[in-house]
Amino acid sequence: MTIRRRAALSLGALAVAGCAGGPALTESPGPAVDTPVETAESTPSRRPTPEPPPTVMPTPSPTPTTALPSRSDIVERFAGEVPTQWGLAVDGVVLRHEKPQVALTFDACGGRNGSGIDEELLAVLEATATPATLFVNARWAEANPSRLAELIANPLFEMANHGTSHLPLSVTGQEAYGIPGTASVGEVYDEVVGVQEMLTELIGEAPRFFRSGTAHYDDVAVRIVDALGLTTVNFDVNSDAGATFTPAEVHSQSMRAREGSICIGHFNRPGSGTAEGIRRAIPELLGTGLTFARLGDLL
């Protein structure tokens, strides 16, 4: 099924290898409802003179979502640009925010080993009324259309763009953790726009945030994301290292969060240590005076 076909699906019809996150990060990356109608009643002796019907004004159409730049426009604009940075924390990538809350973000990467659903983790977030931003890859969305529709309808969660094929984002084919990245401006466009169009159709508005597969970028690719109207977001706290950490490790890493932190975890790997670790961390972080918010409420 193509991306354009998926974009036509309705809600009702409807994870860093598999979710290869690479080695565990023990250090945070640097700076870097109808109302009845009331009517007048006629008296028994006299029927009121009917008034002329009111002028009916046309109902304005809803404002359409701003169209994305075309592929050819982006290719022309960035042709010949040479990247000078590569990694997790390059210019233009948001690692932290300036509000006192903590942002919990969770990726769903898709693919053969990454299209599961960590229902235990989602239940923890719901039971504790903890808001979170969920970065969804096209492969995971295609594998889980009904669950995606439910998550979109849940005001606790905010949907974000995690790429079409879960690739590192580069204009030169840079790789991360053995995964080759996009190799041109056009491929960067396709990786971002494919799932962006699908999610916009399903949600009714465009997601605001992007995170690439592996969370690696070059600086030209980040500028392309910006030109497409999205903000590239990474993290300063790696809670589960691609869903490879034990519950104790997830808990320990998550407790590193401070005001302004953005934490990354995964909700596509049931059976990992993420759910239990996050379950332990949430009340303890709340006990320190921290609170949680979705990225859209912070950036």
Protein backbone atom coordinates (compact mmCIF):
# COMPACT_ATOMS: atom_id res chain seq x y z
CA MET A 1 0.00 0.00 0.00
CA THR A 2 1.49 3.33 -0.97
CA ILE A 3 1.68 6.38 1.25
CA ARG A 4 -0.90 8.17 -0.90
CA ARG A 5 -3.21 5.18 -0.55
CA ARG A 6 -2.76 5.21 3.21
CA ALA A 7 -3.56 8.91 3.32
CA ALA A 8 -7.00 8.12 1.91
CA LEU A 9 -7.83 5.71 4.72
CA SER A 10 -10.43 6.80 7.28
CA LEU A 11 -9.84 6.67 11.01
CA GLY A 12 -12.16 3.72 11.41
CA ALA A 13 -10.24 1.78 8.80
CA LEU A 14 -7.45 2.42 10.33
CA ALA A 15 9.33 0.59 16.08
CA VAL A 16 16.85 2.65 17.64
CA ALA A 17 17.32 -2.20 13.88
CA GLY A 18 13.46 -2.84 14.14
CA CYS A 19 13.85 0.09 16.40
CA ALA A 20 17.57 0.18 16.36
CA GLY A 21 18.55 2.87 18.76
CA GLY A 22 22.16 1.88 18.83
CA PRO A 23 24.22 1.78 21.97
CA ALA A 24 22.83 3.05 25.24
CA LEU A 25 23.50 6.71 25.90
CA THR A 26 24.79 7.09 29.39
CA GLU A 27 25.49 10.79 28.79
CA SER A 28 22.91 13.30 27.64
CA PRO A 29 23.85 14.90 24.32
CA GLY A 30 25.34 18.31 24.69
CA PRO A 31 23.84 21.69 23.90
CA ALA A 32 22.74 21.07 21.23
CA VAL A 33 -22.92 18.56 22.12
CA ASP A 34 -28.23 19.86 20.07
CA THR A 35 -30.23 22.76 21.47
CA PRO A 36 -34.04 22.82 20.95
CA VAL A 37 -35.27 25.69 18.80
CA GLU A 38 -37.67 28.10 20.50
CA THR A 39 -40.51 29.52 18.31
CA ALA A 40 -43.20 32.13 18.95
CA GLU A 41 -46.68 30.64 19.44
CA SER A 42 -49.74 31.97 17.59
CA THR A 43 -52.60 33.34 19.69
CA PRO A 44 -56.01 31.58 19.25
CA SER A 45 -57.60 34.72 17.72
CA ARG A 46 -54.87 36.05 15.51
CA ARG A 47 -52.02 34.52 13.60
CA PRO A 48 -48.96 36.73 13.61
CA THR A 49 -47.85 38.33 10.39
CA PRO A 50 -44.99 36.27 9.10
CA GLU A 51 -41.68 38.04 8.97
CA PRO A 52 -39.47 37.80 5.92
CA PRO A 53 -36.91 35.08 6.18
CA PRO A 54 -33.52 36.18 7.43
CA THR A 55 -30.72 36.56 5.00
CA VAL A 56 -28.71 33.35 5.00
CA MET A 57 -25.02 33.95 4.82
CA PRO A 58 -22.83 31.21 3.43
CA THR A 59 -20.92 29.23 6.03
CA PRO A 60 -17.24 29.92 5.62
CA SER A 61 -15.15 26.94 4.67
CA PRO A 62 -12.60 25.80 7.23
CA THR A 63 -9.16 27.15 6.69
CA PRO A 64 -7.21 24.53 4.78
CA THR A 65 -3.96 23.15 6.08
CA THR A 66 -1.05 25.07 4.64
CA ALA A 67 0.23 23.23 1.61
CA LEU A 68 3.69 21.77 1.82
CA PRO A 69 6.30 23.03 -0.59
CA SER A 70 6.65 20.79 -3.63
CA ARG A 71 9.44 18.28 -3.94
CA SER A 72 10.88 20.12 -6.90
CA ASP A 73 10.89 23.42 -5.02
CA ILE A 74 12.80 21.91 -2.12
CA VAL A 75 15.25 20.12 -4.41
CA GLU A 76 15.94 23.37 -6.26
CA ARG A 77 16.28 25.38 -3.06
CA PHE A 78 18.79 23.06 -1.41
CA ALA A 79 20.67 21.84 -4.48
CA GLY A 80 24.40 21.91 -3.92
CA GLU A 81 24.17 22.49 -0.16
CA VAL A 82 27.03 20.71 1.62
CA PRO A 83 26.51 19.57 5.22
CA THR A 84 29.10 20.40 7.82
CA GLN A 85 27.55 18.64 10.85
CA TRP A 86 26.29 15.12 11.54
CA GLY A 87 24.86 13.47 14.65
CA LEU A 88 22.26 13.76 17.39
CA ALA A 89 22.87 17.38 18.30
CA VAL A 90 23.41 19.51 15.22
CA ASP A 91 22.30 23.08 14.66
CA GLY A 92 18.50 23.40 14.54
CA VAL A 93 17.75 20.22 16.52
CA VAL A 94 15.84 20.85 19.76
CA LEU A 95 17.25 18.88 22.68
CA ARG A 96 15.57 20.75 25.54
CA HIS A 97 12.89 23.42 26.01
CA GLU A 98 12.55 26.48 28.24
CA LYS A 99 9.45 25.58 30.29
CA PRO A 100 9.54 24.00 33.78
CA GLN A 101 7.81 20.77 32.71
CA VAL A 102 9.29 17.53 31.40
CA ALA A 103 8.29 16.23 27.97
CA LEU A 104 7.97 12.45 27.70
CA THR A 105 8.28 11.35 24.08
CA PHE A 106 7.95 7.80 22.77
CA ASP A 107 8.78 6.48 19.30
CA ALA A 108 7.04 3.76 17.28
CA CYS A 109 9.53 2.73 14.66
CA GLY A 110 7.80 -0.04 12.73
CA GLY A 111 9.38 -2.70 10.62
CA ARG A 112 9.66 -6.43 11.05
CA ASN A 113 10.86 -6.26 14.66
CA GLY A 114 9.33 -2.97 15.65
CA SER A 115 5.61 -2.85 14.89
CA GLY A 116 4.36 -4.06 18.26
CA ILE A 117 2.37 -2.02 20.78
CA ASP A 118 3.52 -1.66 24.38
CA GLU A 119 0.02 -1.59 25.84
CA GLU A 120 1.45 -1.77 29.36
CA LEU A 121 3.31 1.49 28.84
CA LEU A 122 0.29 3.21 27.29
CA ALA A 123 -1.83 1.99 30.21
CA VAL A 124 0.67 3.48 32.67
CA LEU A 125 0.46 6.85 30.94
CA GLU A 126 -3.34 6.74 30.89
CA ALA A 127 -3.69 5.56 34.50
CA THR A 128 -1.45 8.37 35.72
CA ALA A 129 -2.92 10.95 33.31
CA THR A 130 0.59 11.61 32.03
CA PRO A 131 0.64 13.47 28.71
CA ALA A 132 3.13 12.37 26.09
CA THR A 133 4.14 13.01 22.50
CA LEU A 134 4.14 9.91 20.29
CA PHE A 135 6.43 9.88 17.26
CA VAL A 136 4.92 7.51 14.68
CA ASN A 137 6.66 5.95 11.70
CA ALA A 138 4.65 5.10 8.56
CA ARG A 139 5.45 1.39 8.85
CA TRP A 140 4.07 1.23 12.41
CA ALA A 141 1.00 3.24 11.38
CA GLU A 142 0.29 0.87 8.50
CA ALA A 143 0.59 -2.15 10.80
CA ASN A 144 -1.62 -0.68 13.56
CA PRO A 145 -4.36 1.46 11.97
CA SER A 146 -7.05 0.85 14.62
CA ARG A 147 -4.76 1.55 17.54
CA LEU A 148 -3.40 4.64 15.84
CA ALA A 149 -6.97 5.96 15.44
CA GLU A 150 -7.55 5.46 19.18
CA LEU A 151 -4.34 7.24 20.11
CA ILE A 152 -5.18 10.16 17.83
CA ALA A 153 -8.58 10.46 19.54
CA ASN A 154 -7.01 10.47 23.02
CA PRO A 155 -6.36 14.08 24.14
CA LEU A 156 -3.61 12.88 26.46
CA PHE A 157 -1.41 12.16 23.47
CA GLU A 158 0.02 14.23 20.68
CA MET A 159 1.11 12.68 17.39
CA ALA A 160 4.42 13.52 15.77
CA ASN A 161 6.31 12.50 12.62
CA HIS A 162 8.90 9.71 12.91
CA GLY A 163 9.60 9.34 9.21
CA THR A 164 8.33 7.24 6.36
CA SER A 165 10.97 4.50 6.27
CA HIS A 166 12.78 5.18 9.57
CA LEU A 167 16.04 6.39 8.09
CA PRO A 168 18.78 8.66 9.35
CA LEU A 169 18.26 12.04 7.68
CA SER A 170 21.09 13.07 5.41
CA VAL A 171 21.62 14.55 1.96
CA THR A 172 24.73 12.44 1.41
CA GLY A 173 23.75 8.94 2.59
CA GLN A 174 25.38 9.11 6.03
CA GLU A 175 24.61 6.07 8.14
CA ALA A 176 23.92 5.55 11.84
CA TYR A 177 24.15 2.25 13.69
CA GLY A 178 24.70 0.55 10.34
CA ILE A 179 21.52 1.98 8.79
CA PRO A 180 22.18 3.97 5.59
CA GLY A 181 20.52 7.35 5.57
CA THR A 182 18.71 9.26 2.88
CA ALA A 183 21.17 10.20 0.16
CA SER A 184 19.79 13.35 -1.48
CA VAL A 185 17.57 16.36 -0.92
CA GLY A 186 14.72 14.55 -2.70
CA GLU A 187 15.08 11.51 -0.44
CA VAL A 188 15.00 13.73 2.65
CA TYR A 189 11.77 15.26 1.33
CA ASP A 190 10.22 11.83 0.77
CA GLU A 191 11.22 10.59 4.21
CA VAL A 192 9.56 13.54 5.93
CA VAL A 193 6.56 14.24 3.68
CA GLY A 194 5.29 10.68 3.14
CA VAL A 195 4.14 10.13 6.72
CA GLN A 196 3.41 13.85 7.23
CA GLU A 197 0.70 13.76 4.57
CA MET A 198 -0.77 10.56 5.98
CA LEU A 199 -0.88 11.82 9.57
CA THR A 200 -2.28 15.19 8.52
CA GLU A 201 -5.15 13.44 6.75
CA LEU A 202 -5.87 11.23 9.75
CA ILE A 203 -5.50 13.83 12.49
CA GLY A 204 -7.08 16.74 10.64
CA GLU A 205 -4.08 18.97 11.19
CA ALA A 206 -0.40 18.73 10.47
CA PRO A 207 1.96 17.31 13.07
CA ARG A 208 4.43 19.92 14.24
CA PHE A 209 7.42 17.83 15.24
CA PHE A 210 9.81 15.48 13.49
CA ARG A 211 12.34 12.93 14.70
CA SER A 212 14.24 10.78 12.25
CA GLY A 213 14.92 7.09 12.47
CA THR A 214 18.02 6.74 14.69
CA ALA A 215 17.65 10.46 15.60
CA HIS A 216 20.65 11.32 13.41
CA TYR A 217 20.76 14.24 10.97
CA ASP A 218 23.05 16.45 9.01
CA ASP A 219 22.52 20.18 9.23
CA VAL A 220 21.21 20.55 5.66
CA ALA A 221 18.54 17.90 6.32
CA VAL A 222 17.47 19.75 9.47
CA ARG A 223 17.06 22.92 7.45
CA ILE A 224 14.90 21.02 4.95
CA VAL A 225 12.67 19.81 7.80
CA ASP A 226 12.34 23.42 8.93
CA ALA A 227 11.43 24.50 5.38
CA LEU A 228 8.65 21.89 5.47
CA GLY A 229 7.18 23.54 8.57
CA LEU A 230 8.29 21.06 11.21
CA THR A 231 10.60 21.34 14.20
CA THR A 232 13.26 18.66 14.58
CA VAL A 233 13.22 17.31 18.14
CA ASN A 234 15.65 14.95 19.83
CA PHE A 235 16.23 14.65 23.60
CA ASP A 236 18.53 15.22 26.50
CA VAL A 237 17.45 12.09 28.42
CA ASN A 238 17.58 8.68 26.73
CA SER A 239 15.21 6.65 28.90
CA ASP A 240 15.37 3.24 27.24
CA ALA A 241 18.15 3.13 24.62
CA GLY A 242 15.90 1.83 21.85
CA ALA A 243 13.87 -0.29 24.31
CA THR A 244 16.97 -2.29 25.28
CA PHE A 245 17.27 -1.16 28.92
CA THR A 246 16.08 -3.14 31.92
CA PRO A 247 13.33 -1.62 34.10
CA ALA A 248 15.96 -0.50 36.60
CA GLU A 249 17.99 1.20 33.87
CA VAL A 250 14.91 2.90 32.41
CA HIS A 251 14.01 4.16 35.87
CA SER A 252 17.53 5.38 36.59
CA GLN A 253 17.90 7.16 33.26
CA SER A 254 14.44 8.76 33.49
CA MET A 255 15.28 10.16 36.91
CA ARG A 256 17.92 12.30 35.19
CA ALA A 257 15.09 14.50 33.89
CA ARG A 258 15.05 18.11 35.03
CA GLU A 259 13.01 21.18 34.17
CA GLY A 260 13.15 21.55 30.40
CA SER A 261 14.10 17.93 29.71
CA ILE A 262 12.89 15.97 26.71
CA CYS A 263 12.96 12.21 27.36
CA ILE A 264 12.95 9.58 24.62
CA GLY A 265 11.55 6.08 24.94
CA HIS A 266 9.68 3.60 22.75
CA PHE A 267 6.11 2.29 22.75
CA ASN A 268 6.49 -0.31 20.02
CA ARG A 269 8.42 -2.94 21.96
CA PRO A 270 6.11 -4.84 24.35
CA GLY A 271 8.02 -6.91 26.87
CA SER A 272 10.87 -4.42 27.14
CA GLY A 273 11.80 -2.69 30.39
CA THR A 274 10.27 0.61 29.32
CA ALA A 275 6.79 0.29 30.85
CA GLU A 276 7.94 -0.80 34.29
CA GLY A 277 10.77 1.70 34.42
CA ILE A 278 8.49 4.58 33.44
CA ARG A 279 5.85 3.37 35.93
CA ARG A 280 8.42 3.69 38.71
CA ALA A 281 9.82 7.00 37.52
CA ILE A 282 6.59 8.99 37.05
CA PRO A 283 5.57 9.25 40.75
CA GLU A 284 9.14 9.88 41.84
CA LEU A 285 9.59 12.70 39.34
CA LEU A 286 6.25 14.16 40.42
CA GLY A 287 7.50 13.91 43.99
CA THR A 288 10.40 16.21 43.13
CA GLY A 289 7.95 18.87 41.95
CA LEU A 290 8.26 18.18 38.25
CA THR A 291 5.21 17.91 36.00
CA PHE A 292 4.73 16.62 32.45
CA ALA A 293 3.45 18.19 29.24
CA ARG A 294 3.25 17.42 25.53
CA LEU A 295 5.78 19.03 23.25
CA GLY A 296 3.08 21.11 21.62
CA ASP A 297 2.40 22.77 24.97
CA LEU A 298 6.07 23.56 25.45
CA LEU A 299 7.48 24.57 22.07
